[in-house]
Amino acid sequence: LAVSVAGPSARAVQSDDRVPTTVLFQG
């Protein structure tokens, strides 16, 4: 990916109020 990878344990829990986002997985 050529990106900096941070696993889930390294991510801070965030609480942001934003507009709804729908993510659809197809396959």
mmCIF file of all heavy atoms, coordinates in Angstrom:
data_MODEL
# 
_entry.id   MODEL 
# 
loop_
_atom_site.group_PDB 
_atom_site.id 
_atom_site.type_symbol 
_atom_site.label_atom_id 
_atom_site.label_alt_id 
_atom_site.label_comp_id 
_atom_site.label_asym_id 
_atom_site.label_entity_id 
_atom_site.label_seq_id 
_atom_site.pdbx_PDB_ins_code 
_atom_site.Cartn_x 
_atom_site.Cartn_y 
_atom_site.Cartn_z 
_atom_site.occupancy 
_atom_site.B_iso_or_equiv 
_atom_site.pdbx_formal_charge 
_atom_site.auth_seq_id 
_atom_site.auth_comp_id 
_atom_site.auth_asym_id 
_atom_site.auth_atom_id 
_atom_site.pdbx_PDB_model_num 
ATOM 1   N N   . LEU A 1 1  ? 0.801   -1.216  0.000  1.00 0.00 ? 1  LEU A N   1 
ATOM 2   C CA  . LEU A 1 1  ? 0.000   0.000   0.000  1.00 0.00 ? 1  LEU A CA  1 
ATOM 3   C C   . LEU A 1 1  ? 0.832   1.263   0.000  1.00 0.00 ? 1  LEU A C   1 
ATOM 4   O O   . LEU A 1 1  ? 0.331   2.335   -0.306 1.00 0.00 ? 1  LEU A O   1 
ATOM 5   C CB  . LEU A 1 1  ? -0.914  0.008   1.234  1.00 0.00 ? 1  LEU A CB  1 
ATOM 6   C CG  . LEU A 1 1  ? -1.823  -1.205  1.369  1.00 0.00 ? 1  LEU A CG  1 
ATOM 7   C CD1 . LEU A 1 1  ? -2.606  -1.122  2.659  1.00 0.00 ? 1  LEU A CD1 1 
ATOM 8   C CD2 . LEU A 1 1  ? -2.760  -1.280  0.183  1.00 0.00 ? 1  LEU A CD2 1 
ATOM 9   N N   . ALA A 1 2  ? 2.088   1.159   0.400  1.00 0.00 ? 2  ALA A N   1 
ATOM 10  C CA  . ALA A 1 2  ? 2.965   2.319   0.490  1.00 0.00 ? 2  ALA A CA  1 
ATOM 11  C C   . ALA A 1 2  ? 2.366   3.396   1.390  1.00 0.00 ? 2  ALA A C   1 
ATOM 12  O O   . ALA A 1 2  ? 2.375   4.580   1.078  1.00 0.00 ? 2  ALA A O   1 
ATOM 13  C CB  . ALA A 1 2  ? 3.280   2.891   -0.893 1.00 0.00 ? 2  ALA A CB  1 
ATOM 14  N N   . VAL A 1 3  ? 1.804   2.943   2.494  1.00 0.00 ? 3  VAL A N   1 
ATOM 15  C CA  . VAL A 1 3  ? 1.260   3.877   3.466  1.00 0.00 ? 3  VAL A CA  1 
ATOM 16  C C   . VAL A 1 3  ? 1.767   3.473   4.832  1.00 0.00 ? 3  VAL A C   1 
ATOM 17  O O   . VAL A 1 3  ? 2.250   2.369   5.039  1.00 0.00 ? 3  VAL A O   1 
ATOM 18  C CB  . VAL A 1 3  ? -0.285  3.867   3.483  1.00 0.00 ? 3  VAL A CB  1 
ATOM 19  C CG1 . VAL A 1 3  ? -0.832  4.315   2.163  1.00 0.00 ? 3  VAL A CG1 1 
ATOM 20  C CG2 . VAL A 1 3  ? -0.817  2.495   3.846  1.00 0.00 ? 3  VAL A CG2 1 
ATOM 21  N N   . SER A 1 4  ? 1.648   4.373   5.803  1.00 0.00 ? 4  SER A N   1 
ATOM 22  C CA  . SER A 1 4  ? 1.999   4.052   7.176  1.00 0.00 ? 4  SER A CA  1 
ATOM 23  C C   . SER A 1 4  ? 0.873   3.239   7.776  1.00 0.00 ? 4  SER A C   1 
ATOM 24  O O   . SER A 1 4  ? -0.276  3.658   7.753  1.00 0.00 ? 4  SER A O   1 
ATOM 25  C CB  . SER A 1 4  ? 2.204   5.335   7.979  1.00 0.00 ? 4  SER A CB  1 
ATOM 26  O OG  . SER A 1 4  ? 2.432   5.036   9.333  1.00 0.00 ? 4  SER A OG  1 
ATOM 27  N N   . VAL A 1 5  ? 1.185   2.060   8.320  1.00 0.00 ? 5  VAL A N   1 
ATOM 28  C CA  . VAL A 1 5  ? 0.170   1.156   8.825  1.00 0.00 ? 5  VAL A CA  1 
ATOM 29  C C   . VAL A 1 5  ? 0.120   1.242   10.337 1.00 0.00 ? 5  VAL A C   1 
ATOM 30  O O   . VAL A 1 5  ? 1.134   1.110   11.014 1.00 0.00 ? 5  VAL A O   1 
ATOM 31  C CB  . VAL A 1 5  ? 0.464   -0.293  8.401  1.00 0.00 ? 5  VAL A CB  1 
ATOM 32  C CG1 . VAL A 1 5  ? -0.542  -1.235  9.019  1.00 0.00 ? 5  VAL A CG1 1 
ATOM 33  C CG2 . VAL A 1 5  ? 0.433   -0.400  6.891  1.00 0.00 ? 5  VAL A CG2 1 
ATOM 34  N N   . ALA A 1 6  ? -1.078  1.456   10.861 1.00 0.00 ? 6  ALA A N   1 
ATOM 35  C CA  . ALA A 1 6  ? -1.285  1.425   12.303 1.00 0.00 ? 6  ALA A CA  1 
ATOM 36  C C   . ALA A 1 6  ? -2.439  0.502   12.571 1.00 0.00 ? 6  ALA A C   1 
ATOM 37  O O   . ALA A 1 6  ? -3.534  0.709   12.073 1.00 0.00 ? 6  ALA A O   1 
ATOM 38  C CB  . ALA A 1 6  ? -1.596  2.824   12.835 1.00 0.00 ? 6  ALA A CB  1 
ATOM 39  N N   . GLY A 1 7  ? -2.205  -0.557  13.304 1.00 0.00 ? 7  GLY A N   1 
ATOM 40  C CA  . GLY A 1 7  ? -3.247  -1.534  13.568 1.00 0.00 ? 7  GLY A CA  1 
ATOM 41  C C   . GLY A 1 7  ? -4.303  -0.979  14.491 1.00 0.00 ? 7  GLY A C   1 
ATOM 42  O O   . GLY A 1 7  ? -4.136  0.083   15.095 1.00 0.00 ? 7  GLY A O   1 
ATOM 43  N N   . PRO A 1 8  ? -5.418  -1.687  14.623 1.00 0.00 ? 8  PRO A N   1 
ATOM 44  C CA  . PRO A 1 8  ? -6.518  -1.208  15.443 1.00 0.00 ? 8  PRO A CA  1 
ATOM 45  C C   . PRO A 1 8  ? -6.121  -0.872  16.867 1.00 0.00 ? 8  PRO A C   1 
ATOM 46  O O   . PRO A 1 8  ? -6.624  0.072   17.444 1.00 0.00 ? 8  PRO A O   1 
ATOM 47  C CB  . PRO A 1 8  ? -7.499  -2.392  15.404 1.00 0.00 ? 8  PRO A CB  1 
ATOM 48  C CG  . PRO A 1 8  ? -7.212  -3.069  14.101 1.00 0.00 ? 8  PRO A CG  1 
ATOM 49  C CD  . PRO A 1 8  ? -5.726  -2.933  13.919 1.00 0.00 ? 8  PRO A CD  1 
ATOM 50  N N   . SER A 1 9  ? -5.188  -1.636  17.451 1.00 0.00 ? 9  SER A N   1 
ATOM 51  C CA  . SER A 1 9  ? -4.804  -1.375  18.826 1.00 0.00 ? 9  SER A CA  1 
ATOM 52  C C   . SER A 1 9  ? -4.067  -0.059  18.978 1.00 0.00 ? 9  SER A C   1 
ATOM 53  O O   . SER A 1 9  ? -3.950  0.473   20.081 1.00 0.00 ? 9  SER A O   1 
ATOM 54  C CB  . SER A 1 9  ? -3.918  -2.515  19.343 1.00 0.00 ? 9  SER A CB  1 
ATOM 55  O OG  . SER A 1 9  ? -2.738  -2.607  18.582 1.00 0.00 ? 9  SER A OG  1 
ATOM 56  N N   . ALA A 1 10 ? -3.552  0.476   17.865 1.00 0.00 ? 10 ALA A N   1 
ATOM 57  C CA  . ALA A 1 10 ? -2.793  1.719   17.931 1.00 0.00 ? 10 ALA A CA  1 
ATOM 58  C C   . ALA A 1 10 ? -3.651  2.937   17.660 1.00 0.00 ? 10 ALA A C   1 
ATOM 59  O O   . ALA A 1 10 ? -3.182  4.062   17.750 1.00 0.00 ? 10 ALA A O   1 
ATOM 60  C CB  . ALA A 1 10 ? -1.638  1.676   16.923 1.00 0.00 ? 10 ALA A CB  1 
ATOM 61  N N   . ARG A 1 11 ? -4.895  2.725   17.306 1.00 0.00 ? 11 ARG A N   1 
ATOM 62  C CA  . ARG A 1 11 ? -5.769  3.836   16.965 1.00 0.00 ? 11 ARG A CA  1 
ATOM 63  C C   . ARG A 1 11 ? -6.510  4.321   18.202 1.00 0.00 ? 11 ARG A C   1 
ATOM 64  O O   . ARG A 1 11 ? -6.988  3.541   18.993 1.00 0.00 ? 11 ARG A O   1 
ATOM 65  C CB  . ARG A 1 11 ? -6.802  3.405   15.916 1.00 0.00 ? 11 ARG A CB  1 
ATOM 66  C CG  . ARG A 1 11 ? -6.198  2.921   14.604 1.00 0.00 ? 11 ARG A CG  1 
ATOM 67  C CD  . ARG A 1 11 ? -7.303  2.303   13.778 1.00 0.00 ? 11 ARG A CD  1 
ATOM 68  N NE  . ARG A 1 11 ? -6.775  1.707   12.558 1.00 0.00 ? 11 ARG A NE  1 
ATOM 69  C CZ  . ARG A 1 11 ? -6.861  2.278   11.375 1.00 0.00 ? 11 ARG A CZ  1 
ATOM 70  N NH1 . ARG A 1 11 ? -7.411  3.447   11.246 1.00 0.00 ? 11 ARG A NH1 1 
ATOM 71  N NH2 . ARG A 1 11 ? -6.383  1.666   10.307 1.00 0.00 ? 11 ARG A NH2 1 
ATOM 72  N N   . ALA A 1 12 ? -6.644  5.630   18.322 1.00 0.00 ? 12 ALA A N   1 
ATOM 73  C CA  . ALA A 1 12 ? -7.401  6.190   19.446 1.00 0.00 ? 12 ALA A CA  1 
ATOM 74  C C   . ALA A 1 12 ? -8.888  6.145   19.131 1.00 0.00 ? 12 ALA A C   1 
ATOM 75  O O   . ALA A 1 12 ? -9.302  6.372   17.999 1.00 0.00 ? 12 ALA A O   1 
ATOM 76  C CB  . ALA A 1 12 ? -6.970  7.640   19.693 1.00 0.00 ? 12 ALA A CB  1 
ATOM 77  N N   . VAL A 1 13 ? -9.701  5.825   20.134 1.00 0.00 ? 13 VAL A N   1 
ATOM 78  C CA  . VAL A 1 13 ? -11.145 5.847   19.948 1.00 0.00 ? 13 VAL A CA  1 
ATOM 79  C C   . VAL A 1 13 ? -11.593 7.282   19.749 1.00 0.00 ? 13 VAL A C   1 
ATOM 80  O O   . VAL A 1 13 ? -11.219 8.175   20.500 1.00 0.00 ? 13 VAL A O   1 
ATOM 81  C CB  . VAL A 1 13 ? -11.859 5.236   21.164 1.00 0.00 ? 13 VAL A CB  1 
ATOM 82  C CG1 . VAL A 1 13 ? -13.366 5.426   21.045 1.00 0.00 ? 13 VAL A CG1 1 
ATOM 83  C CG2 . VAL A 1 13 ? -11.519 3.768   21.288 1.00 0.00 ? 13 VAL A CG2 1 
ATOM 84  N N   . GLN A 1 14 ? -12.357 7.518   18.712 1.00 0.00 ? 14 GLN A N   1 
ATOM 85  C CA  . GLN A 1 14 ? -12.807 8.861   18.383 1.00 0.00 ? 14 GLN A CA  1 
ATOM 86  C C   . GLN A 1 14 ? -14.316 8.938   18.511 1.00 0.00 ? 14 GLN A C   1 
ATOM 87  O O   . GLN A 1 14 ? -15.022 7.985   18.247 1.00 0.00 ? 14 GLN A O   1 
ATOM 88  C CB  . GLN A 1 14 ? -12.396 9.231   16.952 1.00 0.00 ? 14 GLN A CB  1 
ATOM 89  C CG  . GLN A 1 14 ? -10.885 9.176   16.733 1.00 0.00 ? 14 GLN A CG  1 
ATOM 90  C CD  . GLN A 1 14 ? -10.514 9.443   15.302 1.00 0.00 ? 14 GLN A CD  1 
ATOM 91  O OE1 . GLN A 1 14 ? -11.320 9.958   14.531 1.00 0.00 ? 14 GLN A OE1 1 
ATOM 92  N NE2 . GLN A 1 14 ? -9.300  9.108   14.927 1.00 0.00 ? 14 GLN A NE2 1 
ATOM 93  N N   . SER A 1 15 ? -14.798 10.098  18.926 1.00 0.00 ? 15 SER A N   1 
ATOM 94  C CA  . SER A 1 15 ? -16.231 10.325  19.058 1.00 0.00 ? 15 SER A CA  1 
ATOM 95  C C   . SER A 1 15 ? -16.583 11.581  18.285 1.00 0.00 ? 15 SER A C   1 
ATOM 96  O O   . SER A 1 15 ? -16.558 12.689  18.828 1.00 0.00 ? 15 SER A O   1 
ATOM 97  C CB  . SER A 1 15 ? -16.618 10.481  20.532 1.00 0.00 ? 15 SER A CB  1 
ATOM 98  O OG  . SER A 1 15 ? -16.324 9.315   21.239 1.00 0.00 ? 15 SER A OG  1 
ATOM 99  N N   . ASP A 1 16 ? -16.851 11.436  16.996 1.00 0.00 ? 16 ASP A N   1 
ATOM 100 C CA  . ASP A 1 16 ? -17.121 12.608  16.192 1.00 0.00 ? 16 ASP A CA  1 
ATOM 101 C C   . ASP A 1 16 ? -18.554 12.581  15.675 1.00 0.00 ? 16 ASP A C   1 
ATOM 102 O O   . ASP A 1 16 ? -19.049 11.555  15.240 1.00 0.00 ? 16 ASP A O   1 
ATOM 103 C CB  . ASP A 1 16 ? -16.142 12.731  15.019 1.00 0.00 ? 16 ASP A CB  1 
ATOM 104 C CG  . ASP A 1 16 ? -15.933 11.427  14.274 1.00 0.00 ? 16 ASP A CG  1 
ATOM 105 O OD1 . ASP A 1 16 ? -16.554 10.421  14.644 1.00 0.00 ? 16 ASP A OD1 1 
ATOM 106 O OD2 . ASP A 1 16 ? -15.159 11.438  13.321 1.00 0.00 ? 16 ASP A OD2 1 
ATOM 107 N N   . ASP A 1 17 ? -19.204 13.727  15.730 1.00 0.00 ? 17 ASP A N   1 
ATOM 108 C CA  . ASP A 1 17 ? -20.566 13.851  15.222 1.00 0.00 ? 17 ASP A CA  1 
ATOM 109 C C   . ASP A 1 17 ? -20.489 14.299  13.767 1.00 0.00 ? 17 ASP A C   1 
ATOM 110 O O   . ASP A 1 17 ? -20.231 15.474  13.490 1.00 0.00 ? 17 ASP A O   1 
ATOM 111 C CB  . ASP A 1 17 ? -21.337 14.877  16.054 1.00 0.00 ? 17 ASP A CB  1 
ATOM 112 C CG  . ASP A 1 17 ? -21.543 14.384  17.472 1.00 0.00 ? 17 ASP A CG  1 
ATOM 113 O OD1 . ASP A 1 17 ? -22.130 13.303  17.620 1.00 0.00 ? 17 ASP A OD1 1 
ATOM 114 O OD2 . ASP A 1 17 ? -21.106 15.073  18.404 1.00 0.00 ? 17 ASP A OD2 1 
ATOM 115 N N   . ARG A 1 18 ? -20.726 13.387  12.846 1.00 0.00 ? 18 ARG A N   1 
ATOM 116 C CA  . ARG A 1 18 ? -20.661 13.724  11.436 1.00 0.00 ? 18 ARG A CA  1 
ATOM 117 C C   . ARG A 1 18 ? -21.894 13.188  10.734 1.00 0.00 ? 18 ARG A C   1 
ATOM 118 O O   . ARG A 1 18 ? -22.668 12.425  11.300 1.00 0.00 ? 18 ARG A O   1 
ATOM 119 C CB  . ARG A 1 18 ? -19.401 13.151  10.814 1.00 0.00 ? 18 ARG A CB  1 
ATOM 120 C CG  . ARG A 1 18 ? -18.117 13.610  11.504 1.00 0.00 ? 18 ARG A CG  1 
ATOM 121 C CD  . ARG A 1 18 ? -16.984 13.696  10.555 1.00 0.00 ? 18 ARG A CD  1 
ATOM 122 N NE  . ARG A 1 18 ? -15.765 14.121  11.218 1.00 0.00 ? 18 ARG A NE  1 
ATOM 123 C CZ  . ARG A 1 18 ? -14.594 14.200  10.599 1.00 0.00 ? 18 ARG A CZ  1 
ATOM 124 N NH1 . ARG A 1 18 ? -14.487 13.836  9.340  1.00 0.00 ? 18 ARG A NH1 1 
ATOM 125 N NH2 . ARG A 1 18 ? -13.537 14.607  11.241 1.00 0.00 ? 18 ARG A NH2 1 
ATOM 126 N N   . VAL A 1 19 ? -22.051 13.584  9.497  1.00 0.00 ? 19 VAL A N   1 
ATOM 127 C CA  . VAL A 1 19 ? -23.206 13.123  8.738  1.00 0.00 ? 19 VAL A CA  1 
ATOM 128 C C   . VAL A 1 19 ? -23.097 11.610  8.529  1.00 0.00 ? 19 VAL A C   1 
ATOM 129 O O   . VAL A 1 19 ? -21.996 11.064  8.513  1.00 0.00 ? 19 VAL A O   1 
ATOM 130 C CB  . VAL A 1 19 ? -23.287 13.845  7.375  1.00 0.00 ? 19 VAL A CB  1 
ATOM 131 C CG1 . VAL A 1 19 ? -23.491 15.327  7.584  1.00 0.00 ? 19 VAL A CG1 1 
ATOM 132 C CG2 . VAL A 1 19 ? -22.019 13.601  6.561  1.00 0.00 ? 19 VAL A CG2 1 
ATOM 133 N N   . PRO A 1 20 ? -24.218 10.929  8.388  1.00 0.00 ? 20 PRO A N   1 
ATOM 134 C CA  . PRO A 1 20 ? -24.168 9.482   8.186  1.00 0.00 ? 20 PRO A CA  1 
ATOM 135 C C   . PRO A 1 20 ? -23.391 9.110   6.928  1.00 0.00 ? 20 PRO A C   1 
ATOM 136 O O   . PRO A 1 20 ? -23.452 9.811   5.915  1.00 0.00 ? 20 PRO A O   1 
ATOM 137 C CB  . PRO A 1 20 ? -25.647 9.101   8.058  1.00 0.00 ? 20 PRO A CB  1 
ATOM 138 C CG  . PRO A 1 20 ? -26.392 10.207  8.701  1.00 0.00 ? 20 PRO A CG  1 
ATOM 139 C CD  . PRO A 1 20 ? -25.581 11.445  8.453  1.00 0.00 ? 20 PRO A CD  1 
ATOM 140 N N   . THR A 1 21 ? -22.656 8.035   7.007  1.00 0.00 ? 21 THR A N   1 
ATOM 141 C CA  . THR A 1 21 ? -21.926 7.504   5.860  1.00 0.00 ? 21 THR A CA  1 
ATOM 142 C C   . THR A 1 21 ? -22.294 6.041   5.697  1.00 0.00 ? 21 THR A C   1 
ATOM 143 O O   . THR A 1 21 ? -22.130 5.247   6.632  1.00 0.00 ? 21 THR A O   1 
ATOM 144 C CB  . THR A 1 21 ? -20.402 7.634   6.048  1.00 0.00 ? 21 THR A CB  1 
ATOM 145 O OG1 . THR A 1 21 ? -20.040 9.013   6.117  1.00 0.00 ? 21 THR A OG1 1 
ATOM 146 C CG2 . THR A 1 21 ? -19.656 6.969   4.891  1.00 0.00 ? 21 THR A CG2 1 
ATOM 147 N N   . THR A 1 22 ? -22.809 5.692   4.529  1.00 0.00 ? 22 THR A N   1 
ATOM 148 C CA  . THR A 1 22 ? -23.166 4.305   4.237  1.00 0.00 ? 22 THR A CA  1 
ATOM 149 C C   . THR A 1 22 ? -22.062 3.662   3.424  1.00 0.00 ? 22 THR A C   1 
ATOM 150 O O   . THR A 1 22 ? -21.704 4.146   2.335  1.00 0.00 ? 22 THR A O   1 
ATOM 151 C CB  . THR A 1 22 ? -24.495 4.233   3.468  1.00 0.00 ? 22 THR A CB  1 
ATOM 152 O OG1 . THR A 1 22 ? -25.538 4.761   4.283  1.00 0.00 ? 22 THR A OG1 1 
ATOM 153 C CG2 . THR A 1 22 ? -24.819 2.791   3.098  1.00 0.00 ? 22 THR A CG2 1 
ATOM 154 N N   . VAL A 1 23 ? -21.520 2.564   3.933  1.00 0.00 ? 23 VAL A N   1 
ATOM 155 C CA  . VAL A 1 23 ? -20.471 1.810   3.259  1.00 0.00 ? 23 VAL A CA  1 
ATOM 156 C C   . VAL A 1 23 ? -21.085 0.498   2.787  1.00 0.00 ? 23 VAL A C   1 
ATOM 157 O O   . VAL A 1 23 ? -21.615 -0.276  3.592  1.00 0.00 ? 23 VAL A O   1 
ATOM 158 C CB  . VAL A 1 23 ? -19.284 1.524   4.196  1.00 0.00 ? 23 VAL A CB  1 
ATOM 159 C CG1 . VAL A 1 23 ? -18.192 0.745   3.462  1.00 0.00 ? 23 VAL A CG1 1 
ATOM 160 C CG2 . VAL A 1 23 ? -18.728 2.831   4.764  1.00 0.00 ? 23 VAL A CG2 1 
ATOM 161 N N   . LEU A 1 24 ? -21.008 0.241   1.493  1.00 0.00 ? 24 LEU A N   1 
ATOM 162 C CA  . LEU A 1 24 ? -21.590 -0.970  0.917  1.00 0.00 ? 24 LEU A CA  1 
ATOM 163 C C   . LEU A 1 24 ? -20.488 -1.864  0.361  1.00 0.00 ? 24 LEU A C   1 
ATOM 164 O O   . LEU A 1 24 ? -19.675 -1.429  -0.461 1.00 0.00 ? 24 LEU A O   1 
ATOM 165 C CB  . LEU A 1 24 ? -22.559 -0.604  -0.210 1.00 0.00 ? 24 LEU A CB  1 
ATOM 166 C CG  . LEU A 1 24 ? -23.106 -1.770  -1.035 1.00 0.00 ? 24 LEU A CG  1 
ATOM 167 C CD1 . LEU A 1 24 ? -23.908 -2.724  -0.170 1.00 0.00 ? 24 LEU A CD1 1 
ATOM 168 C CD2 . LEU A 1 24 ? -23.948 -1.247  -2.199 1.00 0.00 ? 24 LEU A CD2 1 
ATOM 169 N N   . PHE A 1 25 ? -20.477 -3.114  0.799  1.00 0.00 ? 25 PHE A N   1 
ATOM 170 C CA  . PHE A 1 25 ? -19.550 -4.114  0.275  1.00 0.00 ? 25 PHE A CA  1 
ATOM 171 C C   . PHE A 1 25 ? -20.284 -4.970  -0.749 1.00 0.00 ? 25 PHE A C   1 
ATOM 172 O O   . PHE A 1 25 ? -21.346 -5.537  -0.464 1.00 0.00 ? 25 PHE A O   1 
ATOM 173 C CB  . PHE A 1 25 ? -19.026 -5.000  1.402  1.00 0.00 ? 25 PHE A CB  1 
ATOM 174 C CG  . PHE A 1 25 ? -18.219 -4.262  2.433  1.00 0.00 ? 25 PHE A CG  1 
ATOM 175 C CD1 . PHE A 1 25 ? -18.784 -3.911  3.644  1.00 0.00 ? 25 PHE A CD1 1 
ATOM 176 C CD2 . PHE A 1 25 ? -16.898 -3.911  2.190  1.00 0.00 ? 25 PHE A CD2 1 
ATOM 177 C CE1 . PHE A 1 25 ? -18.055 -3.231  4.611  1.00 0.00 ? 25 PHE A CE1 1 
ATOM 178 C CE2 . PHE A 1 25 ? -16.152 -3.224  3.134  1.00 0.00 ? 25 PHE A CE2 1 
ATOM 179 C CZ  . PHE A 1 25 ? -16.733 -2.881  4.350  1.00 0.00 ? 25 PHE A CZ  1 
ATOM 180 N N   . GLN A 1 26 ? -19.709 -5.071  -1.937 1.00 0.00 ? 26 GLN A N   1 
ATOM 181 C CA  . GLN A 1 26 ? -20.264 -5.889  -3.013 1.00 0.00 ? 26 GLN A CA  1 
ATOM 182 C C   . GLN A 1 26 ? -19.234 -6.907  -3.459 1.00 0.00 ? 26 GLN A C   1 
ATOM 183 O O   . GLN A 1 26 ? -18.027 -6.653  -3.419 1.00 0.00 ? 26 GLN A O   1 
ATOM 184 C CB  . GLN A 1 26 ? -20.661 -5.018  -4.206 1.00 0.00 ? 26 GLN A CB  1 
ATOM 185 C CG  . GLN A 1 26 ? -22.079 -4.533  -4.187 1.00 0.00 ? 26 GLN A CG  1 
ATOM 186 C CD  . GLN A 1 26 ? -23.087 -5.667  -4.343 1.00 0.00 ? 26 GLN A CD  1 
ATOM 187 O OE1 . GLN A 1 26 ? -22.738 -6.850  -4.369 1.00 0.00 ? 26 GLN A OE1 1 
ATOM 188 N NE2 . GLN A 1 26 ? -24.351 -5.312  -4.431 1.00 0.00 ? 26 GLN A NE2 1 
ATOM 189 N N   . GLY A 1 27 ? -19.722 -8.072  -3.916 1.00 0.00 ? 27 GLY A N   1 
ATOM 190 C CA  . GLY A 1 27 ? -18.792 -9.068  -4.409 1.00 0.00 ? 27 GLY A CA  1 
ATOM 191 C C   . GLY A 1 27 ? -19.403 -10.447 -4.478 1.00 0.00 ? 27 GLY A C   1 
ATOM 192 O O   . GLY A 1 27 ? -20.624 -10.608 -4.573 1.00 0.00 ? 27 GLY A O   1 
# 
